[in-house]
Amino acid sequence: MVRKTTSLKIDEELWKEVKIHSIQIGKDISEYLEELLKSDLKKGGRK
């Protein structure tokens, strides 16, 4: 799988929480966000 590099604008406090949570679950932020996006799409997140 080819991975795309992108840039996001995210609330600073939310980013801090995501970073802390990612560390706690032993994943980097990219892995964590990718899993969240895939999960949402599987649940019918595509419109």
PDB file of N, CA and C in Angstrom:
ATOM      1  N   MET A   1       0.845  -1.179   0.000  1.00  0.00           N
ATOM      2  CA  MET A   1       0.000   0.000   0.000  1.00  0.00           C
ATOM      3  C   MET A   1       0.892   1.244   0.000  1.00  0.00           C
ATOM      4  N   VAL A   2       0.602   2.147  -0.873  1.00  0.00           N
ATOM      5  CA  VAL A   2       1.303   3.424  -0.926  1.00  0.00           C
ATOM      6  C   VAL A   2       0.622   4.364   0.066  1.00  0.00           C
ATOM      7  N   ARG A   3       1.407   5.045   0.862  1.00  0.00           N
ATOM      8  CA  ARG A   3       0.849   5.970   1.847  1.00  0.00           C
ATOM      9  C   ARG A   3       1.024   7.401   1.364  1.00  0.00           C
ATOM     10  N   LYS A   4      -0.007   8.198   1.521  1.00  0.00           N
ATOM     11  CA  LYS A   4      -0.043   9.591   1.096  1.00  0.00           C
ATOM     12  C   LYS A   4       0.303  10.494   2.272  1.00  0.00           C
ATOM     13  N   THR A   5       1.202  11.428   2.065  1.00  0.00           N
ATOM     14  CA  THR A   5       1.528  12.420   3.078  1.00  0.00           C
ATOM     15  C   THR A   5       0.578  13.591   2.913  1.00  0.00           C
ATOM     16  N   THR A   6       0.026  14.068   4.024  1.00  0.00           N
ATOM     17  CA  THR A   6      -0.929  15.168   3.968  1.00  0.00           C
ATOM     18  C   THR A   6      -0.726  16.095   5.157  1.00  0.00           C
ATOM     19  N   SER A   7      -1.411  17.194   5.138  1.00  0.00           N
ATOM     20  CA  SER A   7      -1.344  18.171   6.214  1.00  0.00           C
ATOM     21  C   SER A   7      -2.763  18.410   6.729  1.00  0.00           C
ATOM     22  N   LEU A   8      -2.896  18.513   8.046  1.00  0.00           N
ATOM     23  CA  LEU A   8      -4.203  18.746   8.652  1.00  0.00           C
ATOM     24  C   LEU A   8      -4.152  19.969   9.551  1.00  0.00           C
ATOM     25  N   LYS A   9      -5.269  20.646   9.657  1.00  0.00           N
ATOM     26  CA  LYS A   9      -5.400  21.733  10.628  1.00  0.00           C
ATOM     27  C   LYS A   9      -6.377  21.233  11.680  1.00  0.00           C
ATOM     28  N   ILE A  10      -5.868  21.035  12.909  1.00  0.00           N
ATOM     29  CA  ILE A  10      -6.648  20.454  13.992  1.00  0.00           C
ATOM     30  C   ILE A  10      -6.471  21.298  15.238  1.00  0.00           C
ATOM     31  N   ASP A  11      -7.548  21.427  15.994  1.00  0.00           N
ATOM     32  CA  ASP A  11      -7.512  22.147  17.255  1.00  0.00           C
ATOM     33  C   ASP A  11      -6.333  21.660  18.100  1.00  0.00           C
ATOM     34  N   GLU A  12      -5.585  22.581  18.645  1.00  0.00           N
ATOM     35  CA  GLU A  12      -4.356  22.246  19.376  1.00  0.00           C
ATOM     36  C   GLU A  12      -4.609  21.331  20.570  1.00  0.00           C
ATOM     37  N   GLU A  13      -5.658  21.584  21.336  1.00  0.00           N
ATOM     38  CA  GLU A  13      -5.964  20.744  22.500  1.00  0.00           C
ATOM     39  C   GLU A  13      -6.366  19.335  22.071  1.00  0.00           C
ATOM     40  N   LEU A  14      -7.141  19.240  21.008  1.00  0.00           N
ATOM     41  CA  LEU A  14      -7.522  17.925  20.486  1.00  0.00           C
ATOM     42  C   LEU A  14      -6.284  17.164  20.029  1.00  0.00           C
ATOM     43  N   TRP A  15      -5.376  17.853  19.350  1.00  0.00           N
ATOM     44  CA  TRP A  15      -4.140  17.213  18.885  1.00  0.00           C
ATOM     45  C   TRP A  15      -3.331  16.663  20.060  1.00  0.00           C
ATOM     46  N   LYS A  16      -3.250  17.432  21.138  1.00  0.00           N
ATOM     47  CA  LYS A  16      -2.520  16.973  22.325  1.00  0.00           C
ATOM     48  C   LYS A  16      -3.150  15.701  22.885  1.00  0.00           C
ATOM     49  N   GLU A  17      -4.485  15.674  22.946  1.00  0.00           N
ATOM     50  CA  GLU A  17      -5.183  14.493  23.456  1.00  0.00           C
ATOM     51  C   GLU A  17      -4.939  13.283  22.553  1.00  0.00           C
ATOM     52  N   VAL A  18      -4.994  13.489  21.252  1.00  0.00           N
ATOM     53  CA  VAL A  18      -4.758  12.401  20.297  1.00  0.00           C
ATOM     54  C   VAL A  18      -3.332  11.876  20.445  1.00  0.00           C
ATOM     55  N   LYS A  19      -2.386  12.782  20.589  1.00  0.00           N
ATOM     56  CA  LYS A  19      -0.992  12.385  20.733  1.00  0.00           C
ATOM     57  C   LYS A  19      -0.788  11.546  21.994  1.00  0.00           C
ATOM     58  N   ILE A  20      -1.353  11.989  23.105  1.00  0.00           N
ATOM     59  CA  ILE A  20      -1.248  11.254  24.369  1.00  0.00           C
ATOM     60  C   ILE A  20      -1.910   9.886  24.239  1.00  0.00           C
ATOM     61  N   HIS A  21      -3.104   9.853  23.672  1.00  0.00           N
ATOM     62  CA  HIS A  21      -3.828   8.584  23.523  1.00  0.00           C
ATOM     63  C   HIS A  21      -3.049   7.623  22.621  1.00  0.00           C
ATOM     64  N   SER A  22      -2.497   8.130  21.547  1.00  0.00           N
ATOM     65  CA  SER A  22      -1.718   7.288  20.636  1.00  0.00           C
ATOM     66  C   SER A  22      -0.536   6.653  21.356  1.00  0.00           C
ATOM     67  N   ILE A  23       0.135   7.422  22.168  1.00  0.00           N
ATOM     68  CA  ILE A  23       1.265   6.899  22.944  1.00  0.00           C
ATOM     69  C   ILE A  23       0.780   5.815  23.909  1.00  0.00           C
ATOM     70  N   GLN A  24      -0.348   6.072  24.561  1.00  0.00           N
ATOM     71  CA  GLN A  24      -0.881   5.110  25.531  1.00  0.00           C
ATOM     72  C   GLN A  24      -1.242   3.774  24.890  1.00  0.00           C
ATOM     73  N   ILE A  25      -1.703   3.799  23.646  1.00  0.00           N
ATOM     74  CA  ILE A  25      -2.091   2.549  22.979  1.00  0.00           C
ATOM     75  C   ILE A  25      -0.953   1.970  22.139  1.00  0.00           C
ATOM     76  N   GLY A  26       0.195   2.637  22.159  1.00  0.00           N
ATOM     77  CA  GLY A  26       1.374   2.108  21.483  1.00  0.00           C
ATOM     78  C   GLY A  26       1.362   2.234  19.972  1.00  0.00           C
ATOM     79  N   LYS A  27       0.719   3.277  19.460  1.00  0.00           N
ATOM     80  CA  LYS A  27       0.678   3.504  18.015  1.00  0.00           C
ATOM     81  C   LYS A  27       1.132   4.923  17.719  1.00  0.00           C
ATOM     82  N   ASP A  28       1.618   5.121  16.494  1.00  0.00           N
ATOM     83  CA  ASP A  28       1.898   6.506  16.141  1.00  0.00           C
ATOM     84  C   ASP A  28       0.589   7.156  15.683  1.00  0.00           C
ATOM     85  N   ILE A  29       0.581   8.461  15.635  1.00  0.00           N
ATOM     86  CA  ILE A  29      -0.645   9.200  15.330  1.00  0.00           C
ATOM     87  C   ILE A  29      -1.202   8.805  13.964  1.00  0.00           C
ATOM     88  N   SER A  30      -0.341   8.610  12.998  1.00  0.00           N
ATOM     89  CA  SER A  30      -0.800   8.228  11.659  1.00  0.00           C
ATOM     90  C   SER A  30      -1.551   6.906  11.681  1.00  0.00           C
ATOM     91  N   GLU A  31      -0.994   5.925  12.376  1.00  0.00           N
ATOM     92  CA  GLU A  31      -1.659   4.616  12.486  1.00  0.00           C
ATOM     93  C   GLU A  31      -3.027   4.761  13.149  1.00  0.00           C
ATOM     94  N   TYR A  32      -3.055   5.501  14.235  1.00  0.00           N
ATOM     95  CA  TYR A  32      -4.298   5.679  14.989  1.00  0.00           C
ATOM     96  C   TYR A  32      -5.368   6.368  14.137  1.00  0.00           C
ATOM     97  N   LEU A  33      -5.004   7.466  13.493  1.00  0.00           N
ATOM     98  CA  LEU A  33      -5.975   8.187  12.669  1.00  0.00           C
ATOM     99  C   LEU A  33      -6.441   7.349  11.485  1.00  0.00           C
ATOM    100  N   GLU A  34      -5.528   6.598  10.878  1.00  0.00           N
ATOM    101  CA  GLU A  34      -5.890   5.737   9.753  1.00  0.00           C
ATOM    102  C   GLU A  34      -6.914   4.681  10.201  1.00  0.00           C
ATOM    103  N   GLU A  35      -6.696   4.091  11.380  1.00  0.00           N
ATOM    104  CA  GLU A  35      -7.648   3.113  11.904  1.00  0.00           C
ATOM    105  C   GLU A  35      -9.010   3.745  12.161  1.00  0.00           C
ATOM    106  N   LEU A  36      -9.026   4.951  12.722  1.00  0.00           N
ATOM    107  CA  LEU A  36     -10.289   5.639  12.972  1.00  0.00           C
ATOM    108  C   LEU A  36     -11.040   5.909  11.667  1.00  0.00           C
ATOM    109  N   LEU A  37     -10.322   6.359  10.664  1.00  0.00           N
ATOM    110  CA  LEU A  37     -10.957   6.651   9.378  1.00  0.00           C
ATOM    111  C   LEU A  37     -11.521   5.388   8.730  1.00  0.00           C
ATOM    112  N   LYS A  38     -10.744   4.316   8.754  1.00  0.00           N
ATOM    113  CA  LYS A  38     -11.212   3.043   8.183  1.00  0.00           C
ATOM    114  C   LYS A  38     -12.442   2.541   8.924  1.00  0.00           C
ATOM    115  N   SER A  39     -12.419   2.636  10.248  1.00  0.00           N
ATOM    116  CA  SER A  39     -13.545   2.182  11.062  1.00  0.00           C
ATOM    117  C   SER A  39     -14.806   2.985  10.735  1.00  0.00           C
ATOM    118  N   ASP A  40     -14.652   4.270  10.613  1.00  0.00           N
ATOM    119  CA  ASP A  40     -15.808   5.131  10.301  1.00  0.00           C
ATOM    120  C   ASP A  40     -16.377   4.786   8.929  1.00  0.00           C
ATOM    121  N   LEU A  41     -15.506   4.562   7.972  1.00  0.00           N
ATOM    122  CA  LEU A  41     -15.983   4.221   6.627  1.00  0.00           C
ATOM    123  C   LEU A  41     -16.691   2.869   6.594  1.00  0.00           C
ATOM    124  N   LYS A  42     -16.212   1.911   7.383  1.00  0.00           N
ATOM    125  CA  LYS A  42     -16.869   0.599   7.465  1.00  0.00           C
ATOM    126  C   LYS A  42     -18.264   0.713   8.070  1.00  0.00           C
ATOM    127  N   LYS A  43     -18.453   1.681   8.961  1.00  0.00           N
ATOM    128  CA  LYS A  43     -19.745   1.880   9.619  1.00  0.00           C
ATOM    129  C   LYS A  43     -20.734   2.628   8.725  1.00  0.00           C
ATOM    130  N   GLY A  44     -20.316   2.951   7.526  1.00  0.00           N
ATOM    131  CA  GLY A  44     -21.201   3.674   6.623  1.00  0.00           C
ATOM    132  C   GLY A  44     -20.918   5.156   6.584  1.00  0.00           C
ATOM    133  N   GLY A  45     -19.706   5.524   6.957  1.00  0.00           N
ATOM    134  CA  GLY A  45     -19.336   6.939   6.970  1.00  0.00           C
ATOM    135  C   GLY A  45     -19.255   7.574   5.593  1.00  0.00           C
ATOM    136  N   ARG A  46     -19.268   6.736   4.552  1.00  0.00           N
ATOM    137  CA  ARG A  46     -19.215   7.290   3.190  1.00  0.00           C
ATOM    138  C   ARG A  46     -20.573   7.844   2.835  1.00  0.00           C
ATOM    139  N   LYS A  47     -20.584   9.025   2.293  1.00  0.00           N
ATOM    140  CA  LYS A  47     -21.839   9.659   1.886  1.00  0.00           C
ATOM    141  C   LYS A  47     -21.811   9.941   0.414  1.00  0.00           C
TER     142      LYS A  47
END
